[in-house]
PDB file of N, CA and C in Angstrom:
ATOM      1  N   UNK A   1     -71.451  49.229 -33.643  1.00  0.00           N
ATOM      2  CA  UNK A   1     -72.592  49.072 -32.752  1.00  0.00           C
ATOM      3  C   UNK A   1     -72.686  50.303 -31.855  1.00  0.00           C
ATOM      4  N   UNK A   2     -73.913  50.711 -31.605  1.00  0.00           N
ATOM      5  CA  UNK A   2     -74.144  51.886 -30.771  1.00  0.00           C
ATOM      6  C   UNK A   2     -73.886  51.581 -29.298  1.00  0.00           C
ATOM      7  N   UNK A   3     -73.438  52.587 -28.576  1.00  0.00           N
ATOM      8  CA  UNK A   3     -73.289  52.462 -27.127  1.00  0.00           C
ATOM      9  C   UNK A   3     -74.648  52.717 -26.476  1.00  0.00           C
ATOM     10  N   UNK A   4     -74.770  52.360 -25.219  1.00  0.00           N
ATOM     11  CA  UNK A   4     -76.011  52.610 -24.485  1.00  0.00           C
ATOM     12  C   UNK A   4     -76.305  54.112 -24.415  1.00  0.00           C
ATOM     13  N   UNK A   5     -75.272  54.911 -24.298  1.00  0.00           N
ATOM     14  CA  UNK A   5     -75.452  56.367 -24.259  1.00  0.00           C
ATOM     15  C   UNK A   5     -76.034  56.869 -25.578  1.00  0.00           C
ATOM     16  N   UNK A   6     -75.520  56.367 -26.694  1.00  0.00           N
ATOM     17  CA  UNK A   6     -76.037  56.756 -28.003  1.00  0.00           C
ATOM     18  C   UNK A   6     -77.482  56.286 -28.191  1.00  0.00           C
ATOM     19  N   UNK A   7     -77.785  55.101 -27.682  1.00  0.00           N
ATOM     20  CA  UNK A   7     -79.138  54.566 -27.786  1.00  0.00           C
ATOM     21  C   UNK A   7     -80.105  55.412 -26.971  1.00  0.00           C
ATOM     22  N   UNK A   8     -79.701  55.824 -25.780  1.00  0.00           N
ATOM     23  CA  UNK A   8     -80.591  56.660 -24.970  1.00  0.00           C
ATOM     24  C   UNK A   8     -80.869  57.982 -25.685  1.00  0.00           C
ATOM     25  N   UNK A   9     -79.865  58.523 -26.363  1.00  0.00           N
ATOM     26  CA  UNK A   9     -80.060  59.749 -27.136  1.00  0.00           C
ATOM     27  C   UNK A   9     -81.047  59.506 -28.280  1.00  0.00           C
ATOM     28  N   UNK A  10     -80.883  58.399 -29.013  1.00  0.00           N
ATOM     29  CA  UNK A  10     -81.784  58.106 -30.128  1.00  0.00           C
ATOM     30  C   UNK A  10     -83.210  57.843 -29.649  1.00  0.00           C
ATOM     31  N   UNK A  11     -83.351  57.179 -28.513  1.00  0.00           N
ATOM     32  CA  UNK A  11     -84.687  56.949 -27.973  1.00  0.00           C
ATOM     33  C   UNK A  11     -85.366  58.271 -27.651  1.00  0.00           C
ATOM     34  N   UNK A  12     -84.612  59.198 -27.122  1.00  0.00           N
ATOM     35  CA  UNK A  12     -85.147  60.522 -26.833  1.00  0.00           C
ATOM     36  C   UNK A  12     -85.490  61.257 -28.124  1.00  0.00           C
ATOM     37  N   UNK A  13     -84.615  61.209 -29.088  1.00  0.00           N
ATOM     38  CA  UNK A  13     -84.852  61.852 -30.380  1.00  0.00           C
ATOM     39  C   UNK A  13     -86.088  61.267 -31.071  1.00  0.00           C
ATOM     40  N   UNK A  14     -86.285  59.971 -30.943  1.00  0.00           N
ATOM     41  CA  UNK A  14     -87.416  59.302 -31.593  1.00  0.00           C
ATOM     42  C   UNK A  14     -88.753  59.793 -31.050  1.00  0.00           C
ATOM     43  N   UNK A  15     -88.742  60.383 -29.868  1.00  0.00           N
ATOM     44  CA  UNK A  15     -89.963  60.943 -29.306  1.00  0.00           C
ATOM     45  C   UNK A  15     -90.359  62.227 -30.040  1.00  0.00           C
ATOM     46  N   UNK A  16     -89.395  62.889 -30.670  1.00  0.00           N
ATOM     47  CA  UNK A  16     -89.622  64.190 -31.288  1.00  0.00           C
ATOM     48  C   UNK A  16     -89.552  64.195 -32.811  1.00  0.00           C
ATOM     49  N   UNK A  17     -88.911  63.190 -33.394  1.00  0.00           N
ATOM     50  CA  UNK A  17     -88.766  63.170 -34.847  1.00  0.00           C
ATOM     51  C   UNK A  17     -88.671  61.723 -35.329  1.00  0.00           C
ATOM     52  N   UNK A  18     -89.037  61.496 -36.586  1.00  0.00           N
ATOM     53  CA  UNK A  18     -88.857  60.148 -37.135  1.00  0.00           C
ATOM     54  C   UNK A  18     -87.367  59.855 -37.324  1.00  0.00           C
ATOM     55  N   UNK A  19     -86.959  58.667 -36.952  1.00  0.00           N
ATOM     56  CA  UNK A  19     -85.562  58.278 -37.144  1.00  0.00           C
ATOM     57  C   UNK A  19     -85.369  57.784 -38.571  1.00  0.00           C
ATOM     58  N   UNK A  20     -84.154  57.942 -39.061  1.00  0.00           N
ATOM     59  CA  UNK A  20     -83.816  57.438 -40.384  1.00  0.00           C
ATOM     60  C   UNK A  20     -83.713  55.922 -40.381  1.00  0.00           C
ATOM     61  N   UNK A  21     -83.633  55.347 -41.545  1.00  0.00           N
ATOM     62  CA  UNK A  21     -83.579  53.886 -41.686  1.00  0.00           C
ATOM     63  C   UNK A  21     -82.356  53.321 -40.960  1.00  0.00           C
ATOM     64  N   UNK A  22     -81.202  53.923 -41.160  1.00  0.00           N
ATOM     65  CA  UNK A  22     -79.972  53.421 -40.528  1.00  0.00           C
ATOM     66  C   UNK A  22     -80.067  53.566 -39.013  1.00  0.00           C
ATOM     67  N   UNK A  23     -80.570  54.700 -38.541  1.00  0.00           N
ATOM     68  CA  UNK A  23     -80.719  54.906 -37.096  1.00  0.00           C
ATOM     69  C   UNK A  23     -81.643  53.838 -36.496  1.00  0.00           C
ATOM     70  N   UNK A  24     -82.767  53.585 -37.161  1.00  0.00           N
ATOM     71  CA  UNK A  24     -83.719  52.581 -36.654  1.00  0.00           C
ATOM     72  C   UNK A  24     -83.093  51.198 -36.625  1.00  0.00           C
ATOM     73  N   UNK A  25     -82.359  50.857 -37.664  1.00  0.00           N
ATOM     74  CA  UNK A  25     -81.721  49.530 -37.719  1.00  0.00           C
ATOM     75  C   UNK A  25     -80.690  49.373 -36.606  1.00  0.00           C
ATOM     76  N   UNK A  26     -79.860  50.395 -36.420  1.00  0.00           N
ATOM     77  CA  UNK A  26     -78.850  50.345 -35.364  1.00  0.00           C
ATOM     78  C   UNK A  26     -79.519  50.263 -33.992  1.00  0.00           C
ATOM     79  N   UNK A  27     -80.580  51.036 -33.819  1.00  0.00           N
ATOM     80  CA  UNK A  27     -81.308  51.049 -32.555  1.00  0.00           C
ATOM     81  C   UNK A  27     -81.911  49.682 -32.263  1.00  0.00           C
ATOM     82  N   UNK A  28     -82.605  49.105 -33.223  1.00  0.00           N
ATOM     83  CA  UNK A  28     -83.249  47.805 -33.022  1.00  0.00           C
ATOM     84  C   UNK A  28     -82.218  46.703 -32.776  1.00  0.00           C
ATOM     85  N   UNK A  29     -81.083  46.758 -33.453  1.00  0.00           N
ATOM     86  CA  UNK A  29     -80.026  45.771 -33.233  1.00  0.00           C
ATOM     87  C   UNK A  29     -79.524  45.847 -31.796  1.00  0.00           C
ATOM     88  N   UNK A  30     -79.284  47.050 -31.317  1.00  0.00           N
ATOM     89  CA  UNK A  30     -78.807  47.222 -29.948  1.00  0.00           C
ATOM     90  C   UNK A  30     -79.869  46.752 -28.950  1.00  0.00           C
ATOM     91  N   UNK A  31     -81.127  47.142 -29.186  1.00  0.00           N
ATOM     92  CA  UNK A  31     -82.197  46.771 -28.257  1.00  0.00           C
ATOM     93  C   UNK A  31     -82.412  45.267 -28.204  1.00  0.00           C
ATOM     94  N   UNK A  32     -82.123  44.571 -29.299  1.00  0.00           N
ATOM     95  CA  UNK A  32     -82.264  43.113 -29.323  1.00  0.00           C
ATOM     96  C   UNK A  32     -81.264  42.443 -28.376  1.00  0.00           C
ATOM     97  N   UNK A  33     -80.179  43.150 -28.069  1.00  0.00           N
ATOM     98  CA  UNK A  33     -79.138  42.556 -27.236  1.00  0.00           C
ATOM     99  C   UNK A  33     -79.005  43.184 -25.856  1.00  0.00           C
ATOM    100  N   UNK A  34     -79.663  44.308 -25.618  1.00  0.00           N
ATOM    101  CA  UNK A  34     -79.442  45.047 -24.377  1.00  0.00           C
ATOM    102  C   UNK A  34     -80.744  45.213 -23.589  1.00  0.00           C
ATOM    103  N   UNK A  35     -80.844  44.484 -22.507  1.00  0.00           N
ATOM    104  CA  UNK A  35     -82.047  44.539 -21.659  1.00  0.00           C
ATOM    105  C   UNK A  35     -82.200  45.909 -20.993  1.00  0.00           C
ATOM    106  N   UNK A  36     -81.118  46.530 -20.605  1.00  0.00           N
ATOM    107  CA  UNK A  36     -81.179  47.839 -19.949  1.00  0.00           C
ATOM    108  C   UNK A  36     -81.787  48.901 -20.851  1.00  0.00           C
ATOM    109  N   UNK A  37     -81.352  48.949 -22.097  1.00  0.00           N
ATOM    110  CA  UNK A  37     -81.888  49.939 -23.035  1.00  0.00           C
ATOM    111  C   UNK A  37     -83.330  49.610 -23.427  1.00  0.00           C
ATOM    112  N   UNK A  38     -83.655  48.325 -23.479  1.00  0.00           N
ATOM    113  CA  UNK A  38     -85.037  47.920 -23.746  1.00  0.00           C
ATOM    114  C   UNK A  38     -85.934  48.408 -22.618  1.00  0.00           C
ATOM    115  N   UNK A  39     -85.473  48.280 -21.384  1.00  0.00           N
ATOM    116  CA  UNK A  39     -86.244  48.778 -20.240  1.00  0.00           C
ATOM    117  C   UNK A  39     -86.373  50.306 -20.298  1.00  0.00           C
ATOM    118  N   UNK A  40     -85.318  50.988 -20.697  1.00  0.00           N
ATOM    119  CA  UNK A  40     -85.373  52.443 -20.828  1.00  0.00           C
ATOM    120  C   UNK A  40     -86.442  52.837 -21.835  1.00  0.00           C
ATOM    121  N   UNK A  41     -86.500  52.149 -22.973  1.00  0.00           N
ATOM    122  CA  UNK A  41     -87.516  52.469 -23.981  1.00  0.00           C
ATOM    123  C   UNK A  41     -88.914  52.283 -23.412  1.00  0.00           C
ATOM    124  N   UNK A  42     -89.142  51.183 -22.687  1.00  0.00           N
ATOM    125  CA  UNK A  42     -90.451  50.939 -22.079  1.00  0.00           C
ATOM    126  C   UNK A  42     -90.810  52.047 -21.090  1.00  0.00           C
ATOM    127  N   UNK A  43     -89.831  52.479 -20.305  1.00  0.00           N
ATOM    128  CA  UNK A  43     -90.067  53.537 -19.329  1.00  0.00           C
ATOM    129  C   UNK A  43     -90.401  54.863 -20.018  1.00  0.00           C
ATOM    130  N   UNK A  44     -89.704  55.164 -21.103  1.00  0.00           N
ATOM    131  CA  UNK A  44     -89.963  56.407 -21.825  1.00  0.00           C
ATOM    132  C   UNK A  44     -91.360  56.402 -22.442  1.00  0.00           C
ATOM    133  N   UNK A  45     -91.771  55.262 -23.002  1.00  0.00           N
ATOM    134  CA  UNK A  45     -93.114  55.146 -23.572  1.00  0.00           C
ATOM    135  C   UNK A  45     -94.165  55.315 -22.477  1.00  0.00           C
ATOM    136  N   UNK A  46     -93.934  54.681 -21.322  1.00  0.00           N
ATOM    137  CA  UNK A  46     -94.870  54.789 -20.203  1.00  0.00           C
ATOM    138  C   UNK A  46     -94.999  56.239 -19.732  1.00  0.00           C
ATOM    139  N   UNK A  47     -93.853  56.906 -19.525  1.00  0.00           N
ATOM    140  CA  UNK A  47     -93.872  58.288 -19.047  1.00  0.00           C
ATOM    141  C   UNK A  47     -94.543  59.226 -20.041  1.00  0.00           C
ATOM    142  N   UNK A  48     -94.271  59.043 -21.305  1.00  0.00           N
ATOM    143  CA  UNK A  48     -94.903  59.909 -22.317  1.00  0.00           C
ATOM    144  C   UNK A  48     -96.424  59.723 -22.301  1.00  0.00           C
ATOM    145  N   UNK A  49     -96.875  58.482 -22.186  1.00  0.00           N
ATOM    146  CA  UNK A  49     -98.312  58.224 -22.115  1.00  0.00           C
ATOM    147  C   UNK A  49     -98.932  58.809 -20.862  1.00  0.00           C
ATOM    148  N   UNK A  50     -98.238  58.693 -19.732  1.00  0.00           N
ATOM    149  CA  UNK A  50     -98.754  59.225 -18.471  1.00  0.00           C
ATOM    150  C   UNK A  50     -98.865  60.749 -18.529  1.00  0.00           C
ATOM    151  N   UNK A  51     -97.887  61.387 -19.115  1.00  0.00           N
ATOM    152  CA  UNK A  51     -97.908  62.846 -19.231  1.00  0.00           C
ATOM    153  C   UNK A  51     -99.056  63.298 -20.121  1.00  0.00           C
ATOM    154  N   UNK A  52     -99.304  62.566 -21.197  1.00  0.00           N
ATOM    155  CA  UNK A  52    -100.404  62.930 -22.097  1.00  0.00           C
ATOM    156  C   UNK A  52    -101.767  62.766 -21.423  1.00  0.00           C
ATOM    157  N   UNK A  53    -101.882  61.815 -20.509  1.00  0.00           N
ATOM    158  CA  UNK A  53    -103.159  61.583 -19.824  1.00  0.00           C
ATOM    159  C   UNK A  53    -103.387  62.544 -18.667  1.00  0.00           C
ATOM    160  N   UNK A  54    -102.332  63.173 -18.168  1.00  0.00           N
ATOM    161  CA  UNK A  54    -102.442  64.066 -17.022  1.00  0.00           C
ATOM    162  C   UNK A  54    -103.207  65.313 -17.434  1.00  0.00           C
ATOM    163  N   UNK A  55    -104.201  65.724 -16.645  1.00  0.00           N
ATOM    164  CA  UNK A  55    -104.997  66.898 -17.040  1.00  0.00           C
ATOM    165  C   UNK A  55    -104.156  68.178 -17.005  1.00  0.00           C
ATOM    166  N   UNK A  56    -104.480  69.116 -17.881  1.00  0.00           N
ATOM    167  CA  UNK A  56    -103.731  70.385 -17.876  1.00  0.00           C
ATOM    168  C   UNK A  56    -103.979  71.155 -16.585  1.00  0.00           C
ATOM    169  N   UNK A  57    -102.988  71.918 -16.195  1.00  0.00           N
ATOM    170  CA  UNK A  57    -103.077  72.697 -14.951  1.00  0.00           C
ATOM    171  C   UNK A  57    -104.048  73.848 -15.130  1.00  0.00           C
ATOM    172  N   UNK A  58    -104.817  74.089 -14.091  1.00  0.00           N
ATOM    173  CA  UNK A  58    -105.704  75.270 -14.079  1.00  0.00           C
ATOM    174  C   UNK A  58    -104.969  76.379 -13.365  1.00  0.00           C
ATOM    175  N   UNK A  59    -104.976  77.530 -13.929  1.00  0.00           N
ATOM    176  CA  UNK A  59    -104.260  78.666 -13.337  1.00  0.00           C
ATOM    177  C   UNK A  59    -105.252  79.579 -12.624  1.00  0.00           C
ATOM    178  N   UNK A  60    -105.908  79.026 -11.575  1.00  0.00           N
ATOM    179  CA  UNK A  60    -106.877  79.836 -10.834  1.00  0.00           C
ATOM    180  C   UNK A  60    -106.457  80.050  -9.376  1.00  0.00           C
ATOM    181  N   UNK A  61    -105.187  79.769  -9.085  1.00  0.00           N
ATOM    182  CA  UNK A  61    -104.688  79.983  -7.726  1.00  0.00           C
ATOM    183  C   UNK A  61    -104.182  81.417  -7.594  1.00  0.00           C
ATOM    184  N   UNK A  62    -104.418  82.034  -6.455  1.00  0.00           N
ATOM    185  CA  UNK A  62    -103.911  83.408  -6.272  1.00  0.00           C
ATOM    186  C   UNK A  62    -102.377  83.416  -6.240  1.00  0.00           C
ATOM    187  N   UNK A  63    -101.814  84.396  -6.868  1.00  0.00           N
ATOM    188  CA  UNK A  63    -100.356  84.519  -6.898  1.00  0.00           C
ATOM    189  C   UNK A  63     -99.877  85.397  -5.742  1.00  0.00           C
ATOM    190  N   UNK A  64     -98.773  84.970  -5.140  1.00  0.00           N
ATOM    191  CA  UNK A  64     -98.180  85.775  -4.055  1.00  0.00           C
ATOM    192  C   UNK A  64     -97.199  86.757  -4.658  1.00  0.00           C
ATOM    193  N   UNK A  65     -97.084  87.885  -4.010  1.00  0.00           N
ATOM    194  CA  UNK A  65     -96.118  88.901  -4.477  1.00  0.00           C
ATOM    195  C   UNK A  65     -95.043  89.083  -3.488  1.00  0.00           C
TER     196      UNK A  65
END
């Protein structure tokens, strides 16, 4: 069984690449039993969505030297 630390790593990796079948199975098994990691996944999904909705920065401010 994966540790919470390993699960947090896989949740982060899943944001950037598709997980393999074994990784997904291990992840889902752990999440079925661990409320803390389930909350972490929800938070990561929320933050990723919020970042995508945030407008891009405009670079029209004068720069100081």
